[in-house]
Amino acid sequence: MKKESWFSSKKVSELKNRRKKKSEKVIQPKKNNDFFGNQEIKQDLQSFYNTEAKKYAETRKKFWHEEKVILDAITPLFSQSFWTEWNEVKNLRWYTQDSSADASEWQNKKIRILEFGCGSGRFATLLNQKFPDKFDYVWIDLSDELLSYASTANPNLTFFQWDITKLIKKFEQESFDLIVWTSSFQHIPTAKERSFLMKNFYRLLDYDGMLLMTNRSLSKWFIKKYRKAVFKARFMSLIQFDRSKSRDIMVPWTDTKTWKVYERFYHFFSLKELQSLSDFAWLSAKLNVFIDQDANFTYNERISRSSFLVATKTPIIN
């Protein structure tokens, strides 16, 4: 029989006891050091999204194309015919189901989804509207202010305010069918940390599970809007003799209340790098393209808005 999900585990029960009084639905972390040494970058990012939470919660509908391509990709998973076929293959490959078990248990299976960088919860809100009661959902974000908007919009769900790198090890193996990142993996500061997370995605996904990820692309629009930051990144890559650094861009932002200047870290993935990360983690890249503002696929990064990766944990049969 399939093991219990992580939702009932002792680890998560302990996490749920660390709630902040101001929001019963947002679970807060303990303060500790970041073993990847990126605490300052993450604190600036957290400060930005906490300060701008209301704006992002109200205006980010313009990035609907990212949610649209993800929803299009996962919609077949919510059909009964898909799950009937999928479960037959899983049972054959990985375990023997008790002959006395009720087949309706599989027909009514909920899809287990983990979203990192969920922000104000717009993607889960869309899922709730399109597939009500068809999934179990776990939300994680660095910004407690954004999560307060998410919990208000979706009071039936639980949110974790946590540093993703620190939390990911607390989940049990094969706990999820889908892992979703919408414009958030781009904020992970180092190649070492990104590789660490990708390896853990493989561990967390059930067999035939999917990783779906969008990230901002280094488009003509972005280069024009943030040309000084782009030029600075390219200059630093030259003096450091590291070409990859040209895609590590710090976008400045001024807090109009304190007039303090923060910098948001972005890493702009090439399709080749996304493919390499998938290969490194033993995930099979099924779709690796850019998408434009109208949700059309393209391989031209300059006319795109985001990259889009769909990778699966595919079992190897000898």
C-alpha atoms as a PDB file:
ATOM      1  CA  MET A   1       0.000   0.000   0.000  1.00  0.00           C
ATOM      2  CA  LYS A   2       1.112   3.541  -0.626  1.00  0.00           C
ATOM      3  CA  LYS A   3       2.727   5.191   2.371  1.00  0.00           C
ATOM      4  CA  GLU A   4       1.136   8.067   4.273  1.00  0.00           C
ATOM      5  CA  SER A   5       1.670  11.528   2.887  1.00  0.00           C
ATOM      6  CA  TRP A   6       3.925  13.941   4.709  1.00  0.00           C
ATOM      7  CA  PHE A   7       0.864  15.922   5.845  1.00  0.00           C
ATOM      8  CA  SER A   8       0.331  13.608   8.824  1.00  0.00           C
ATOM      9  CA  SER A   9       3.993  13.224   9.721  1.00  0.00           C
ATOM     10  CA  LYS A  10       5.482  14.229  13.045  1.00  0.00           C
ATOM     11  CA  LYS A  11       7.802  16.715  11.352  1.00  0.00           C
ATOM     12  CA  VAL A  12       4.981  18.745   9.918  1.00  0.00           C
ATOM     13  CA  SER A  13       3.062  18.632  13.194  1.00  0.00           C
ATOM     14  CA  GLU A  14       6.063  20.259  14.810  1.00  0.00           C
ATOM     15  CA  LEU A  15       6.210  22.896  12.066  1.00  0.00           C
ATOM     16  CA  LYS A  16       2.548  23.731  12.509  1.00  0.00           C
ATOM     17  CA  ASN A  17       3.105  24.560  16.183  1.00  0.00           C
ATOM     18  CA  ARG A  18       5.359  27.459  15.177  1.00  0.00           C
ATOM     19  CA  ARG A  19       2.564  29.756  14.095  1.00  0.00           C
ATOM     20  CA  LYS A  20       2.602  33.515  14.390  1.00  0.00           C
ATOM     21  CA  LYS A  21      -0.387  35.033  16.203  1.00  0.00           C
ATOM     22  CA  LYS A  22      -1.061  37.626  13.501  1.00  0.00           C
ATOM     23  CA  SER A  23      -1.892  34.935  10.955  1.00  0.00           C
ATOM     24  CA  GLU A  24      -3.123  31.499  11.970  1.00  0.00           C
ATOM     25  CA  LYS A  25      -2.495  30.196   8.474  1.00  0.00           C
ATOM     26  CA  VAL A  26       1.134  31.303   8.052  1.00  0.00           C
ATOM     27  CA  ILE A  27       3.762  29.111   9.676  1.00  0.00           C
ATOM     28  CA  GLN A  28       6.946  30.956  10.606  1.00  0.00           C
ATOM     29  CA  PRO A  29      10.541  29.660  10.684  1.00  0.00           C
ATOM     30  CA  LYS A  30      13.161  29.835  13.376  1.00  0.00           C
ATOM     31  CA  LYS A  31      15.999  32.262  12.722  1.00  0.00           C
ATOM     32  CA  ASN A  32      19.172  30.444  11.836  1.00  0.00           C
ATOM     33  CA  ASN A  33      22.156  30.837   9.544  1.00  0.00           C
ATOM     34  CA  ASP A  34      22.016  30.018   5.877  1.00  0.00           C
ATOM     35  CA  PHE A  35      24.615  27.366   5.220  1.00  0.00           C
ATOM     36  CA  PHE A  36      24.923  28.571   1.611  1.00  0.00           C
ATOM     37  CA  GLY A  37      25.950  32.024   2.855  1.00  0.00           C
ATOM     38  CA  ASN A  38      23.285  34.001   0.984  1.00  0.00           C
ATOM     39  CA  GLN A  39      21.392  35.481   3.903  1.00  0.00           C
ATOM     40  CA  GLU A  40      21.859  39.137   2.927  1.00  0.00           C
ATOM     41  CA  ILE A  41      20.554  38.585  -0.603  1.00  0.00           C
ATOM     42  CA  LYS A  42      17.509  36.742   0.734  1.00  0.00           C
ATOM     43  CA  GLN A  43      16.823  39.359   3.388  1.00  0.00           C
ATOM     44  CA  ASP A  44      16.796  42.098   0.739  1.00  0.00           C
ATOM     45  CA  LEU A  45      14.448  39.999  -1.365  1.00  0.00           C
ATOM     46  CA  GLN A  46      12.173  39.407   1.616  1.00  0.00           C
ATOM     47  CA  SER A  47      12.166  43.134   2.449  1.00  0.00           C
ATOM     48  CA  PHE A  48      11.178  43.993  -1.114  1.00  0.00           C
ATOM     49  CA  TYR A  49       8.252  41.569  -1.306  1.00  0.00           C
ATOM     50  CA  ASN A  50       7.029  42.411   2.190  1.00  0.00           C
ATOM     51  CA  THR A  51       7.006  46.135   1.379  1.00  0.00           C
ATOM     52  CA  GLU A  52       5.479  45.686  -2.082  1.00  0.00           C
ATOM     53  CA  ALA A  53       3.095  42.871  -1.103  1.00  0.00           C
ATOM     54  CA  LYS A  54      -0.103  44.833  -1.721  1.00  0.00           C
ATOM     55  CA  LYS A  55       1.058  45.968  -5.150  1.00  0.00           C
ATOM     56  CA  TYR A  56       2.067  42.459  -6.202  1.00  0.00           C
ATOM     57  CA  ALA A  57      -1.117  40.916  -4.860  1.00  0.00           C
ATOM     58  CA  GLU A  58      -3.259  43.355  -6.860  1.00  0.00           C
ATOM     59  CA  THR A  59      -1.348  43.916 -10.102  1.00  0.00           C
ATOM     60  CA  ARG A  60       0.489  40.729 -11.038  1.00  0.00           C
ATOM     61  CA  LYS A  61      -2.381  39.511 -13.196  1.00  0.00           C
ATOM     62  CA  LYS A  62      -0.365  40.774 -16.162  1.00  0.00           C
ATOM     63  CA  PHE A  63       1.844  37.683 -15.788  1.00  0.00           C
ATOM     64  CA  TRP A  64      -1.137  35.381 -16.356  1.00  0.00           C
ATOM     65  CA  HIS A  65       0.694  33.738 -19.271  1.00  0.00           C
ATOM     66  CA  GLU A  66       2.883  31.814 -16.792  1.00  0.00           C
ATOM     67  CA  GLU A  67      -0.029  30.320 -14.870  1.00  0.00           C
ATOM     68  CA  LYS A  68      -1.793  29.589 -18.157  1.00  0.00           C
ATOM     69  CA  VAL A  69       0.991  27.416 -19.578  1.00  0.00           C
ATOM     70  CA  ILE A  70       1.316  25.535 -16.271  1.00  0.00           C
ATOM     71  CA  LEU A  71      -2.433  24.939 -16.032  1.00  0.00           C
ATOM     72  CA  ASP A  72      -2.495  23.730 -19.661  1.00  0.00           C
ATOM     73  CA  ALA A  73       0.323  21.302 -18.870  1.00  0.00           C
ATOM     74  CA  ILE A  74      -1.288  19.781 -15.772  1.00  0.00           C
ATOM     75  CA  THR A  75      -4.962  19.761 -16.836  1.00  0.00           C
ATOM     76  CA  PRO A  76      -4.757  16.190 -18.274  1.00  0.00           C
ATOM     77  CA  LEU A  77      -3.661  14.962 -14.836  1.00  0.00           C
ATOM     78  CA  PHE A  78      -7.076  15.821 -13.406  1.00  0.00           C
ATOM     79  CA  SER A  79      -8.962  13.540 -15.789  1.00  0.00           C
ATOM     80  CA  GLN A  80     -10.163  10.147 -14.525  1.00  0.00           C
ATOM     81  CA  SER A  81      -8.916   8.335 -17.636  1.00  0.00           C
ATOM     82  CA  PHE A  82      -5.404   9.648 -17.047  1.00  0.00           C
ATOM     83  CA  TRP A  83      -5.297   8.431 -13.438  1.00  0.00           C
ATOM     84  CA  THR A  84      -6.765   5.030 -14.293  1.00  0.00           C
ATOM     85  CA  GLU A  85      -3.977   4.435 -16.821  1.00  0.00           C
ATOM     86  CA  TRP A  86      -1.320   6.011 -14.575  1.00  0.00           C
ATOM     87  CA  ASN A  87      -2.190   3.871 -11.557  1.00  0.00           C
ATOM     88  CA  GLU A  88      -2.206   0.658 -13.598  1.00  0.00           C
ATOM     89  CA  VAL A  89       1.349   1.405 -14.716  1.00  0.00           C
ATOM     90  CA  LYS A  90       2.484   2.403 -11.208  1.00  0.00           C
ATOM     91  CA  ASN A  91       1.050  -0.697  -9.580  1.00  0.00           C
ATOM     92  CA  LEU A  92       2.768  -2.902 -12.132  1.00  0.00           C
ATOM     93  CA  ARG A  93       6.127  -1.196 -11.761  1.00  0.00           C
ATOM     94  CA  TRP A  94       6.500  -0.436  -8.109  1.00  0.00           C
ATOM     95  CA  TYR A  95       4.284  -2.383  -5.765  1.00  0.00           C
ATOM     96  CA  THR A  96       1.492  -4.915  -5.550  1.00  0.00           C
ATOM     97  CA  GLN A  97      -1.837  -3.434  -4.497  1.00  0.00           C
ATOM     98  CA  ASP A  98      -3.900  -5.391  -1.986  1.00  0.00           C
ATOM     99  CA  SER A  99      -6.556  -7.218  -4.006  1.00  0.00           C
ATOM    100  CA  SER A 100      -9.164  -6.330  -1.386  1.00  0.00           C
ATOM    101  CA  ALA A 101      -8.501  -2.585  -1.695  1.00  0.00           C
ATOM    102  CA  ASP A 102     -11.325  -0.471  -3.044  1.00  0.00           C
ATOM    103  CA  ALA A 103     -10.628   0.729  -6.587  1.00  0.00           C
ATOM    104  CA  SER A 104     -12.409   4.003  -5.812  1.00  0.00           C
ATOM    105  CA  GLU A 105      -9.435   4.944  -3.627  1.00  0.00           C
ATOM    106  CA  TRP A 106      -7.408   5.381  -6.817  1.00  0.00           C
ATOM    107  CA  GLN A 107     -10.161   6.943  -8.867  1.00  0.00           C
ATOM    108  CA  ASN A 108     -10.655   9.625  -6.200  1.00  0.00           C
ATOM    109  CA  LYS A 109      -6.953  10.242  -5.658  1.00  0.00           C
ATOM    110  CA  LYS A 110      -6.018  13.865  -4.995  1.00  0.00           C
ATOM    111  CA  ILE A 111      -2.993  15.264  -6.775  1.00  0.00           C
ATOM    112  CA  ARG A 112      -0.333  16.348  -4.294  1.00  0.00           C
ATOM    113  CA  ILE A 113       1.150  19.701  -5.268  1.00  0.00           C
ATOM    114  CA  LEU A 114       4.049  21.608  -3.725  1.00  0.00           C
ATOM    115  CA  GLU A 115       4.542  25.236  -4.816  1.00  0.00           C
ATOM    116  CA  PHE A 116       7.687  27.150  -3.922  1.00  0.00           C
ATOM    117  CA  GLY A 117       7.570  30.934  -4.097  1.00  0.00           C
ATOM    118  CA  CYS A 118       3.766  30.972  -4.089  1.00  0.00           C
ATOM    119  CA  GLY A 119       3.570  34.701  -3.294  1.00  0.00           C
ATOM    120  CA  SER A 120       0.012  35.974  -2.911  1.00  0.00           C
ATOM    121  CA  GLY A 121      -1.405  32.594  -3.922  1.00  0.00           C
ATOM    122  CA  ARG A 122      -2.733  33.418  -7.367  1.00  0.00           C
ATOM    123  CA  PHE A 123      -1.847  30.016  -8.858  1.00  0.00           C
ATOM    124  CA  ALA A 124      -3.570  28.039  -6.093  1.00  0.00           C
ATOM    125  CA  THR A 125      -6.585  30.340  -6.390  1.00  0.00           C
ATOM    126  CA  LEU A 126      -6.801  29.388 -10.067  1.00  0.00           C
ATOM    127  CA  LEU A 127      -6.522  25.707  -9.153  1.00  0.00           C
ATOM    128  CA  ASN A 128      -9.291  26.098  -6.587  1.00  0.00           C
ATOM    129  CA  GLN A 129     -11.512  27.645  -9.235  1.00  0.00           C
ATOM    130  CA  LYS A 130     -10.775  25.088 -11.948  1.00  0.00           C
ATOM    131  CA  PHE A 131     -10.267  21.879  -9.939  1.00  0.00           C
ATOM    132  CA  PRO A 132     -11.994  22.256  -6.548  1.00  0.00           C
ATOM    133  CA  ASP A 133     -11.315  19.419  -4.081  1.00  0.00           C
ATOM    134  CA  LYS A 134      -9.071  17.651  -6.603  1.00  0.00           C
ATOM    135  CA  PHE A 135      -5.699  18.349  -4.997  1.00  0.00           C
ATOM    136  CA  ASP A 136      -3.732  18.618  -1.767  1.00  0.00           C
ATOM    137  CA  TYR A 137      -1.613  21.739  -1.793  1.00  0.00           C
ATOM    138  CA  VAL A 138       1.408  22.991   0.145  1.00  0.00           C
ATOM    139  CA  TRP A 139       2.493  26.627  -0.236  1.00  0.00           C
ATOM    140  CA  ILE A 140       5.884  28.095   0.658  1.00  0.00           C
ATOM    141  CA  ASP A 141       7.199  31.634   0.331  1.00  0.00           C
ATOM    142  CA  LEU A 142       9.830  33.857   1.914  1.00  0.00           C
ATOM    143  CA  SER A 143       7.435  36.808   2.369  1.00  0.00           C
ATOM    144  CA  ASP A 144       4.982  36.630   5.256  1.00  0.00           C
ATOM    145  CA  GLU A 145       3.164  39.721   3.939  1.00  0.00           C
ATOM    146  CA  LEU A 146       2.445  38.059   0.589  1.00  0.00           C
ATOM    147  CA  LEU A 147       1.275  34.944   2.407  1.00  0.00           C
ATOM    148  CA  SER A 148      -1.207  36.984   4.433  1.00  0.00           C
ATOM    149  CA  TYR A 149      -2.917  37.838   1.123  1.00  0.00           C
ATOM    150  CA  ALA A 150      -2.749  34.195   0.085  1.00  0.00           C
ATOM    151  CA  SER A 151      -4.336  32.946   3.319  1.00  0.00           C
ATOM    152  CA  THR A 152      -7.131  35.525   3.064  1.00  0.00           C
ATOM    153  CA  ALA A 153      -7.956  34.404  -0.490  1.00  0.00           C
ATOM    154  CA  ASN A 154      -7.693  30.682   0.376  1.00  0.00           C
ATOM    155  CA  PRO A 155      -8.622  30.166   4.049  1.00  0.00           C
ATOM    156  CA  ASN A 156      -8.822  26.380   3.617  1.00  0.00           C
ATOM    157  CA  LEU A 157      -5.089  26.051   2.885  1.00  0.00           C
ATOM    158  CA  THR A 158      -1.965  26.189   5.051  1.00  0.00           C
ATOM    159  CA  PHE A 159       1.075  28.303   4.209  1.00  0.00           C
ATOM    160  CA  PHE A 160       4.728  28.016   5.221  1.00  0.00           C
ATOM    161  CA  GLN A 161       6.805  31.180   5.510  1.00  0.00           C
ATOM    162  CA  TRP A 162      10.257  29.697   5.207  1.00  0.00           C
ATOM    163  CA  ASP A 163      13.575  29.723   3.414  1.00  0.00           C
ATOM    164  CA  ILE A 164      13.081  27.032   0.789  1.00  0.00           C
ATOM    165  CA  THR A 165      16.611  25.675   1.059  1.00  0.00           C
ATOM    166  CA  LYS A 166      16.189  25.042   4.784  1.00  0.00           C
ATOM    167  CA  LEU A 167      12.708  23.544   4.557  1.00  0.00           C
ATOM    168  CA  ILE A 168      13.099  21.160   1.632  1.00  0.00           C
ATOM    169  CA  LYS A 169      14.897  18.469   3.649  1.00  0.00           C
ATOM    170  CA  LYS A 170      11.947  18.232   6.054  1.00  0.00           C
ATOM    171  CA  PHE A 171       9.665  16.687   3.422  1.00  0.00           C
ATOM    172  CA  GLU A 172       9.537  12.937   3.032  1.00  0.00           C
ATOM    173  CA  GLN A 173      10.649  11.117  -0.105  1.00  0.00           C
ATOM    174  CA  GLU A 174       8.092  10.798  -2.956  1.00  0.00           C
ATOM    175  CA  SER A 175       5.616  13.115  -1.196  1.00  0.00           C
ATOM    176  CA  PHE A 176       4.355  15.011  -4.257  1.00  0.00           C
ATOM    177  CA  ASP A 177       3.018  14.464  -7.764  1.00  0.00           C
ATOM    178  CA  LEU A 178       3.769  18.035  -8.904  1.00  0.00           C
ATOM    179  CA  ILE A 179       6.319  20.649  -7.872  1.00  0.00           C
ATOM    180  CA  VAL A 180       5.648  24.163  -9.172  1.00  0.00           C
ATOM    181  CA  TRP A 181       7.858  27.264  -9.290  1.00  0.00           C
ATOM    182  CA  THR A 182       6.385  30.410 -10.864  1.00  0.00           C
ATOM    183  CA  SER A 183       9.020  33.126 -11.339  1.00  0.00           C
ATOM    184  CA  SER A 184      10.819  32.273  -8.104  1.00  0.00           C
ATOM    185  CA  PHE A 185      13.620  29.779  -8.789  1.00  0.00           C
ATOM    186  CA  GLN A 186      15.307  32.732 -10.530  1.00  0.00           C
ATOM    187  CA  HIS A 187      15.914  34.294  -7.091  1.00  0.00           C
ATOM    188  CA  ILE A 188      18.088  31.403  -5.816  1.00  0.00           C
ATOM    189  CA  PRO A 189      21.526  33.071  -5.556  1.00  0.00           C
ATOM    190  CA  THR A 190      24.138  30.401  -6.379  1.00  0.00           C
ATOM    191  CA  ALA A 191      24.654  27.497  -8.753  1.00  0.00           C
ATOM    192  CA  LYS A 192      25.470  25.264  -5.762  1.00  0.00           C
ATOM    193  CA  GLU A 193      22.146  26.030  -4.098  1.00  0.00           C
ATOM    194  CA  ARG A 194      20.188  25.563  -7.333  1.00  0.00           C
ATOM    195  CA  SER A 195      21.803  22.152  -7.849  1.00  0.00           C
ATOM    196  CA  PHE A 196      21.027  21.191  -4.250  1.00  0.00           C
ATOM    197  CA  LEU A 197      17.356  22.053  -4.750  1.00  0.00           C
ATOM    198  CA  MET A 198      17.098  20.208  -8.069  1.00  0.00           C
ATOM    199  CA  LYS A 199      18.475  17.048  -6.466  1.00  0.00           C
ATOM    200  CA  ASN A 200      15.834  17.339  -3.759  1.00  0.00           C
ATOM    201  CA  PHE A 201      13.081  17.830  -6.335  1.00  0.00           C
ATOM    202  CA  TYR A 202      13.941  14.368  -7.639  1.00  0.00           C
ATOM    203  CA  ARG A 203      13.732  12.987  -4.101  1.00  0.00           C
ATOM    204  CA  LEU A 204      10.381  14.637  -3.340  1.00  0.00           C
ATOM    205  CA  LEU A 205       8.627  13.706  -6.584  1.00  0.00           C
ATOM    206  CA  ASP A 206       6.763  10.447  -6.851  1.00  0.00           C
ATOM    207  CA  TYR A 207       7.633   8.369  -9.922  1.00  0.00           C
ATOM    208  CA  ASP A 208       6.151   9.921 -13.060  1.00  0.00           C
ATOM    209  CA  GLY A 209       5.727  13.168 -11.081  1.00  0.00           C
ATOM    210  CA  MET A 210       6.434  16.500 -12.749  1.00  0.00           C
ATOM    211  CA  LEU A 211       8.473  19.613 -12.017  1.00  0.00           C
ATOM    212  CA  LEU A 212       7.033  22.733 -13.706  1.00  0.00           C
ATOM    213  CA  MET A 213       9.041  25.927 -13.611  1.00  0.00           C
ATOM    214  CA  THR A 214       8.869  29.411 -15.142  1.00  0.00           C
ATOM    215  CA  ASN A 215      11.586  32.055 -14.779  1.00  0.00           C
ATOM    216  CA  ARG A 216      12.041  35.558 -16.135  1.00  0.00           C
ATOM    217  CA  SER A 217      14.007  35.576 -19.403  1.00  0.00           C
ATOM    218  CA  LEU A 218      16.747  37.977 -20.437  1.00  0.00           C
ATOM    219  CA  SER A 219      14.515  39.565 -23.035  1.00  0.00           C
ATOM    220  CA  LYS A 220      14.919  42.717 -25.075  1.00  0.00           C
ATOM    221  CA  TRP A 221      12.231  44.294 -22.873  1.00  0.00           C
ATOM    222  CA  PHE A 222      14.132  43.513 -19.646  1.00  0.00           C
ATOM    223  CA  ILE A 223      17.494  44.657 -21.029  1.00  0.00           C
ATOM    224  CA  LYS A 224      15.972  47.964 -22.110  1.00  0.00           C
ATOM    225  CA  LYS A 225      14.232  48.573 -18.761  1.00  0.00           C
ATOM    226  CA  TYR A 226      17.199  47.593 -16.573  1.00  0.00           C
ATOM    227  CA  ARG A 227      20.099  48.375 -18.893  1.00  0.00           C
ATOM    228  CA  LYS A 228      22.354  49.741 -16.107  1.00  0.00           C
ATOM    229  CA  ALA A 229      21.958  46.582 -14.020  1.00  0.00           C
ATOM    230  CA  VAL A 230      22.533  44.382 -17.079  1.00  0.00           C
ATOM    231  CA  PHE A 231      25.672  46.346 -18.041  1.00  0.00           C
ATOM    232  CA  LYS A 232      27.001  46.076 -14.467  1.00  0.00           C
ATOM    233  CA  ALA A 233      26.499  42.286 -14.462  1.00  0.00           C
ATOM    234  CA  ARG A 234      28.304  41.915 -17.784  1.00  0.00           C
ATOM    235  CA  PHE A 235      31.169  44.117 -16.592  1.00  0.00           C
ATOM    236  CA  MET A 236      31.545  42.053 -13.385  1.00  0.00           C
ATOM    237  CA  SER A 237      31.583  38.828 -15.394  1.00  0.00           C
ATOM    238  CA  LEU A 238      34.488  40.165 -17.447  1.00  0.00           C
ATOM    239  CA  ILE A 239      36.652  41.204 -14.524  1.00  0.00           C
ATOM    240  CA  GLN A 240      35.892  37.944 -12.702  1.00  0.00           C
ATOM    241  CA  PHE A 241      36.575  35.858 -15.844  1.00  0.00           C
ATOM    242  CA  ASP A 242      33.254  34.088 -15.303  1.00  0.00           C
ATOM    243  CA  ARG A 243      30.869  34.369 -18.230  1.00  0.00           C
ATOM    244  CA  SER A 244      27.982  32.817 -16.295  1.00  0.00           C
ATOM    245  CA  LYS A 245      27.945  35.835 -13.950  1.00  0.00           C
ATOM    246  CA  SER A 246      26.571  37.984 -16.774  1.00  0.00           C
ATOM    247  CA  ARG A 247      23.220  36.344 -16.076  1.00  0.00           C
ATOM    248  CA  ASP A 248      23.333  37.192 -12.340  1.00  0.00           C
ATOM    249  CA  ILE A 249      21.663  40.595 -12.240  1.00  0.00           C
ATOM    250  CA  MET A 250      20.914  42.747  -9.208  1.00  0.00           C
ATOM    251  CA  VAL A 251      17.866  44.929  -9.864  1.00  0.00           C
ATOM    252  CA  PRO A 252      17.826  48.030  -7.599  1.00  0.00           C
ATOM    253  CA  TRP A 253      14.726  49.125  -5.719  1.00  0.00           C
ATOM    254  CA  THR A 254      14.222  52.053  -3.311  1.00  0.00           C
ATOM    255  CA  ASP A 255      11.908  51.820  -0.314  1.00  0.00           C
ATOM    256  CA  THR A 256      10.046  55.131  -0.514  1.00  0.00           C
ATOM    257  CA  LYS A 257       9.329  55.044   3.240  1.00  0.00           C
ATOM    258  CA  THR A 258      12.926  54.721   4.409  1.00  0.00           C
ATOM    259  CA  TRP A 259      14.690  55.640   1.131  1.00  0.00           C
ATOM    260  CA  LYS A 260      16.893  52.607   1.587  1.00  0.00           C
ATOM    261  CA  VAL A 261      18.048  51.000  -1.653  1.00  0.00           C
ATOM    262  CA  TYR A 262      17.673  47.237  -1.909  1.00  0.00           C
ATOM    263  CA  GLU A 263      18.761  44.914  -4.714  1.00  0.00           C
ATOM    264  CA  ARG A 264      16.728  41.982  -5.970  1.00  0.00           C
ATOM    265  CA  PHE A 265      18.782  39.077  -7.239  1.00  0.00           C
ATOM    266  CA  TYR A 266      17.777  37.480 -10.555  1.00  0.00           C
ATOM    267  CA  HIS A 267      19.482  34.606 -12.330  1.00  0.00           C
ATOM    268  CA  PHE A 268      18.457  34.392 -15.978  1.00  0.00           C
ATOM    269  CA  PHE A 269      18.504  30.789 -17.164  1.00  0.00           C
ATOM    270  CA  SER A 270      19.409  29.802 -20.670  1.00  0.00           C
ATOM    271  CA  LEU A 271      17.619  26.753 -22.055  1.00  0.00           C
ATOM    272  CA  LYS A 272      20.954  24.937 -22.097  1.00  0.00           C
ATOM    273  CA  GLU A 273      21.424  25.559 -18.368  1.00  0.00           C
ATOM    274  CA  LEU A 274      17.916  24.342 -17.546  1.00  0.00           C
ATOM    275  CA  GLN A 275      18.588  21.195 -19.537  1.00  0.00           C
ATOM    276  CA  SER A 276      21.867  20.654 -17.671  1.00  0.00           C
ATOM    277  CA  LEU A 277      20.167  21.089 -14.292  1.00  0.00           C
ATOM    278  CA  SER A 278      17.513  18.534 -15.244  1.00  0.00           C
ATOM    279  CA  ASP A 279      20.155  16.048 -16.388  1.00  0.00           C
ATOM    280  CA  PHE A 280      22.145  16.615 -13.189  1.00  0.00           C
ATOM    281  CA  ALA A 281      19.091  15.771 -11.065  1.00  0.00           C
ATOM    282  CA  TRP A 282      18.148  12.732 -13.207  1.00  0.00           C
ATOM    283  CA  LEU A 283      14.960  14.450 -14.321  1.00  0.00           C
ATOM    284  CA  SER A 284      13.793  14.077 -17.902  1.00  0.00           C
ATOM    285  CA  ALA A 285      13.082  17.447 -19.570  1.00  0.00           C
ATOM    286  CA  LYS A 286       9.873  17.011 -21.584  1.00  0.00           C
ATOM    287  CA  LEU A 287       9.489  20.694 -22.526  1.00  0.00           C
ATOM    288  CA  ASN A 288      12.184  23.364 -22.353  1.00  0.00           C
ATOM    289  CA  VAL A 289      11.235  26.566 -24.185  1.00  0.00           C
ATOM    290  CA  PHE A 290      10.666  30.290 -23.789  1.00  0.00           C
ATOM    291  CA  ILE A 291       7.167  31.793 -23.710  1.00  0.00           C
ATOM    292  CA  ASP A 292       6.107  35.239 -24.884  1.00  0.00           C
ATOM    293  CA  GLN A 293       3.559  37.599 -23.354  1.00  0.00           C
ATOM    294  CA  ASP A 294       0.747  35.836 -25.236  1.00  0.00           C
ATOM    295  CA  ALA A 295       1.731  32.396 -23.877  1.00  0.00           C
ATOM    296  CA  ASN A 296       3.170  31.247 -27.212  1.00  0.00           C
ATOM    297  CA  PHE A 297       6.239  29.004 -27.233  1.00  0.00           C
ATOM    298  CA  THR A 298       9.452  30.289 -28.807  1.00  0.00           C
ATOM    299  CA  TYR A 299      13.188  29.576 -28.799  1.00  0.00           C
ATOM    300  CA  ASN A 300      14.010  33.262 -29.256  1.00  0.00           C
ATOM    301  CA  GLU A 301      14.914  34.590 -25.823  1.00  0.00           C
ATOM    302  CA  ARG A 302      14.897  38.243 -26.913  1.00  0.00           C
ATOM    303  CA  ILE A 303      11.178  38.288 -27.794  1.00  0.00           C
ATOM    304  CA  SER A 304      10.128  36.140 -24.814  1.00  0.00           C
ATOM    305  CA  ARG A 305       9.074  37.020 -21.269  1.00  0.00           C
ATOM    306  CA  SER A 306       9.862  33.785 -19.419  1.00  0.00           C
ATOM    307  CA  SER A 307      11.416  30.357 -19.748  1.00  0.00           C
ATOM    308  CA  PHE A 308       9.261  27.274 -19.205  1.00  0.00           C
ATOM    309  CA  LEU A 309      10.582  23.894 -18.083  1.00  0.00           C
ATOM    310  CA  VAL A 310       8.578  20.693 -17.620  1.00  0.00           C
ATOM    311  CA  ALA A 311      10.635  17.769 -16.301  1.00  0.00           C
ATOM    312  CA  THR A 312       9.539  14.366 -15.025  1.00  0.00           C
ATOM    313  CA  LYS A 313      10.892  11.756 -12.660  1.00  0.00           C
ATOM    314  CA  THR A 314      10.833   8.847 -15.033  1.00  0.00           C
ATOM    315  CA  PRO A 315      11.526   5.347 -13.700  1.00  0.00           C
ATOM    316  CA  ILE A 316      14.254   3.338 -15.373  1.00  0.00           C
ATOM    317  CA  ILE A 317      13.154  -0.177 -16.277  1.00  0.00           C
ATOM    318  CA  ASN A 318      15.871  -2.735 -16.954  1.00  0.00           C
END
